[in-house]
Protein backbone atom coordinates (compact mmCIF):
# COMPACT_ATOMS: atom_id res chain seq x y z
CA UNK A 1 -0.22 -21.20 -73.13
CA UNK A 2 1.72 -23.56 -70.88
CA UNK A 3 4.16 -20.74 -70.01
CA UNK A 4 1.32 -18.51 -68.94
CA UNK A 5 -0.15 -21.32 -66.91
CA UNK A 6 3.20 -21.85 -65.16
CA UNK A 7 3.43 -18.16 -64.27
CA UNK A 8 -0.13 -18.14 -62.94
CA UNK A 9 0.56 -21.24 -60.86
CA UNK A 10 3.67 -19.62 -59.36
CA UNK A 11 1.72 -16.47 -58.55
CA UNK A 12 -1.08 -18.50 -56.98
CA UNK A 13 1.47 -20.29 -54.80
CA UNK A 14 2.98 -16.96 -53.75
CA UNK A 15 -0.40 -15.54 -52.78
CA UNK A 16 -1.18 -18.70 -50.84
CA UNK A 17 2.13 -18.44 -48.96
CA UNK A 18 1.45 -14.81 -48.07
CA UNK A 19 -2.03 -15.67 -46.81
CA UNK A 20 -0.71 -18.62 -44.83
CA UNK A 21 1.83 -16.42 -43.04
CA UNK A 22 -0.94 -14.04 -41.97
CA UNK A 23 -3.29 -16.85 -40.97
CA UNK A 24 -0.68 -18.07 -38.50
CA UNK A 25 -0.95 -14.93 -36.37
CA UNK A 26 -2.42 -15.50 -32.89
CA UNK A 27 -5.48 -13.24 -32.72
CA UNK A 28 -5.47 -13.33 -28.90
CA UNK A 29 -1.88 -12.03 -28.91
CA UNK A 30 -2.91 -9.30 -31.33
CA UNK A 31 -5.79 -8.35 -29.03
CA UNK A 32 -3.36 -8.06 -26.09
CA UNK A 33 -1.19 -5.73 -28.16
CA UNK A 34 -4.18 -3.57 -29.05
CA UNK A 35 -5.32 -3.39 -25.42
CA UNK A 36 -1.83 -2.38 -24.29
CA UNK A 37 -1.63 0.40 -26.88
CA UNK A 38 -5.17 1.62 -26.16
CA UNK A 39 -4.13 2.00 -22.51
CA UNK A 40 -1.03 3.99 -23.48
CA UNK A 41 -3.14 6.28 -25.63
CA UNK A 42 -5.81 6.74 -22.95
CA UNK A 43 -3.12 7.83 -20.49
CA UNK A 44 -1.75 10.39 -22.93
CA UNK A 45 1.44 8.52 -23.72
CA UNK A 46 3.54 8.79 -26.85
CA UNK A 47 3.93 5.67 -29.02
CA UNK A 48 7.37 5.19 -30.57
CA UNK A 49 8.11 2.78 -33.41
CA UNK A 50 11.37 1.31 -34.68
CA UNK A 51 12.76 -1.25 -37.11
CA UNK A 52 15.72 -1.96 -39.41
CA UNK A 53 15.76 -2.15 -43.21
CA UNK A 54 12.32 -2.93 -44.62
CA UNK A 55 11.00 -2.90 -41.06
CA UNK A 56 12.26 0.70 -40.70
CA UNK A 57 9.98 1.66 -43.58
CA UNK A 58 7.08 -0.15 -41.87
CA UNK A 59 7.87 1.61 -38.58
CA UNK A 60 7.78 4.97 -40.36
CA UNK A 61 4.50 4.12 -42.11
CA UNK A 62 2.98 2.89 -38.85
CA UNK A 63 3.87 6.08 -36.96
CA UNK A 64 2.43 8.12 -39.82
CA UNK A 65 -0.86 6.19 -39.79
CA UNK A 66 -1.17 6.16 -36.00
CA UNK A 67 -0.87 9.94 -35.95
CA UNK A 68 -2.88 10.85 -39.05
CA UNK A 69 -5.55 8.14 -39.17
CA UNK A 70 -5.93 7.32 -35.47
CA UNK A 71 -4.99 10.61 -33.82
CA UNK A 72 -2.30 8.99 -31.68
CA UNK A 73 0.84 10.82 -30.56
CA UNK A 74 3.39 8.75 -32.47
CA UNK A 75 7.00 9.05 -33.64
CA UNK A 76 9.29 6.69 -35.57
CA UNK A 77 12.83 6.36 -34.18
CA UNK A 78 13.89 5.08 -37.62
CA UNK A 79 13.17 8.39 -39.37
CA UNK A 80 16.00 10.74 -38.45
CA UNK A 81 19.16 9.89 -40.46
CA UNK A 82 21.17 12.58 -38.69
CA UNK A 83 20.50 11.11 -35.24
CA UNK A 84 20.93 7.53 -36.44
CA UNK A 85 24.28 8.22 -38.08
CA UNK A 86 25.47 10.32 -35.13
CA UNK A 87 24.73 7.55 -32.65
CA UNK A 88 26.13 4.93 -35.03
CA UNK A 89 29.33 6.86 -35.72
CA UNK A 90 30.00 8.28 -32.26
CA UNK A 91 28.84 5.39 -30.09
CA UNK A 92 27.61 2.21 -31.80
CA UNK A 93 24.95 1.12 -34.27
CA UNK A 94 23.56 -0.97 -31.43
CA UNK A 95 22.56 2.32 -29.71
CA UNK A 96 20.91 4.17 -32.63
CA UNK A 97 17.42 3.67 -31.19
CA UNK A 98 18.20 3.22 -27.50
CA UNK A 99 20.10 6.52 -27.41
CA UNK A 100 17.08 8.36 -28.76
CA UNK A 101 14.65 6.71 -26.36
CA UNK A 102 16.86 7.49 -23.36
CA UNK A 103 16.25 11.18 -24.14
CA UNK A 104 12.65 11.03 -25.35
CA UNK A 105 10.94 8.16 -23.54
CA UNK A 106 8.85 8.52 -20.41
CA UNK A 107 7.08 6.10 -18.09
CA UNK A 108 3.65 5.38 -19.54
CA UNK A 109 4.77 5.77 -23.15
CA UNK A 110 4.55 2.91 -25.63
CA UNK A 111 7.00 1.31 -28.04
CA UNK A 112 6.31 -0.88 -31.07
CA UNK A 113 9.33 -2.72 -32.47
CA UNK A 114 9.15 -4.41 -35.86
CA UNK A 115 11.66 -7.16 -36.51
CA UNK A 116 11.54 -10.38 -38.50
CA UNK A 117 14.32 -12.08 -36.52
CA UNK A 118 13.61 -10.48 -33.16
CA UNK A 119 17.35 -10.64 -32.57
CA UNK A 120 18.79 -7.35 -33.88
CA UNK A 121 21.12 -5.92 -31.21
CA UNK A 122 19.79 -2.38 -31.62
CA UNK A 123 16.20 -3.58 -31.16
CA UNK A 124 17.15 -5.54 -28.04
CA UNK A 125 19.00 -2.53 -26.60
CA UNK A 126 15.95 -0.36 -27.34
CA UNK A 127 13.62 -2.78 -25.55
CA UNK A 128 15.91 -2.78 -22.52
CA UNK A 129 15.69 1.02 -22.29
CA UNK A 130 11.90 0.87 -22.65
CA UNK A 131 11.73 -1.63 -19.80
CA UNK A 132 13.96 0.50 -17.59
CA UNK A 133 11.76 3.54 -18.21
CA UNK A 134 8.51 1.74 -17.41
CA UNK A 135 7.18 1.90 -20.95
CA UNK A 136 4.74 -0.56 -22.55
CA UNK A 137 6.28 -2.48 -25.43
CA UNK A 138 4.77 -4.41 -28.33
CA UNK A 139 6.67 -6.54 -30.82
CA UNK A 140 5.62 -7.29 -34.39
CA UNK A 141 7.97 -10.21 -34.94
CA UNK A 142 8.65 -13.14 -37.25
CA UNK A 143 10.20 -16.62 -37.18
CA UNK A 144 9.79 -17.71 -33.55
CA UNK A 145 10.01 -14.19 -32.14
CA UNK A 146 13.69 -14.24 -31.20
CA UNK A 147 14.90 -12.77 -27.94
CA UNK A 148 12.68 -9.73 -28.47
CA UNK A 149 9.64 -11.90 -27.72
CA UNK A 150 10.89 -12.29 -24.14
CA UNK A 151 11.44 -8.54 -23.68
CA UNK A 152 8.12 -7.11 -24.90
CA UNK A 153 4.86 -6.88 -22.97
CA UNK A 154 2.86 -8.10 -25.97
CA UNK A 155 4.35 -10.20 -28.74
CA UNK A 156 2.65 -10.68 -32.13
CA UNK A 157 4.57 -13.27 -34.14
CA UNK A 158 4.14 -14.07 -37.81
CA UNK A 159 5.25 -17.74 -37.71
CA UNK A 160 7.33 -17.81 -40.87
CA UNK A 161 11.04 -17.58 -41.65
CA UNK A 162 10.41 -16.03 -45.08
CA UNK A 163 11.38 -12.39 -44.63
CA UNK A 164 9.25 -11.17 -47.52
CA UNK A 165 6.03 -12.71 -46.26
CA UNK A 166 6.71 -11.69 -42.67
CA UNK A 167 7.38 -8.09 -43.72
CA UNK A 168 4.21 -8.12 -45.81
CA UNK A 169 2.21 -9.50 -42.90
CA UNK A 170 3.65 -6.81 -40.63
CA UNK A 171 2.31 -4.17 -43.00
CA UNK A 172 -1.16 -5.71 -42.76
CA UNK A 173 -0.86 -5.91 -38.96
CA UNK A 174 0.18 -2.27 -38.73
CA UNK A 175 -3.06 -1.31 -40.46
CA UNK A 176 -5.00 -3.62 -38.14
CA UNK A 177 -3.44 -1.88 -35.12
CA UNK A 178 -4.15 1.56 -36.59
CA UNK A 179 -7.80 0.76 -37.26
CA UNK A 180 -8.22 -0.77 -33.80
CA UNK A 181 -6.81 2.33 -32.09
CA UNK A 182 -8.88 4.61 -34.31
CA UNK A 183 -12.06 2.67 -33.58
CA UNK A 184 -11.35 2.47 -29.85
CA UNK A 185 -10.90 6.25 -29.76
CA UNK A 186 -14.07 6.79 -31.79
CA UNK A 187 -15.92 4.53 -29.36
CA UNK A 188 -14.75 6.60 -26.39
CA UNK A 189 -15.93 9.80 -28.04
CA UNK A 190 -19.25 8.23 -28.98
CA UNK A 191 -19.78 7.11 -25.39
CA UNK A 192 -19.17 10.67 -24.14
CA UNK A 193 -21.78 12.20 -26.45
CA UNK A 194 -25.12 12.82 -24.74
CA UNK A 195 -27.89 10.59 -25.99
CA UNK A 196 -30.43 12.23 -28.27
CA UNK A 197 -33.96 12.32 -26.91
């Protein structure tokens, strides 16, 4: 009985820690990110996503949901192993995302980077290319945001240094962004429909 109680207490603590990480997110910052992405979408821009490790999986999932659930033109730069290994082998791992965006990105497009540390060299190089091209950038970040927080147009920071809880919070935030873009688009279409009389 006591063993079961100990396990339940540990699980309760874990759930509380996960919830606390999410509660620390600045809703006003999240709203700025949504507004920036809604503008990109309204102007017909493409939204690119990128991340490393677990954040690469989140970037892929986010691009999938933006396209399928919200009808956004979206592409994950973390998804093509051939391109990633070519850039990594022939140039540098620091250029695996930046090299792709130099070819694909256009002014008016959007970029969402997902990084717990906000300090990965390939993410920073990617953000520099986005800035040079006149793209709108959003960061889903952790810890204190890292250097990436100073390079994005809208920074959404999960204020925790626990990678697991930050990555989990980023997954929740990616669904929040998807729903917001979907609902904003639905609102535009509803406003264009003639009123019934």
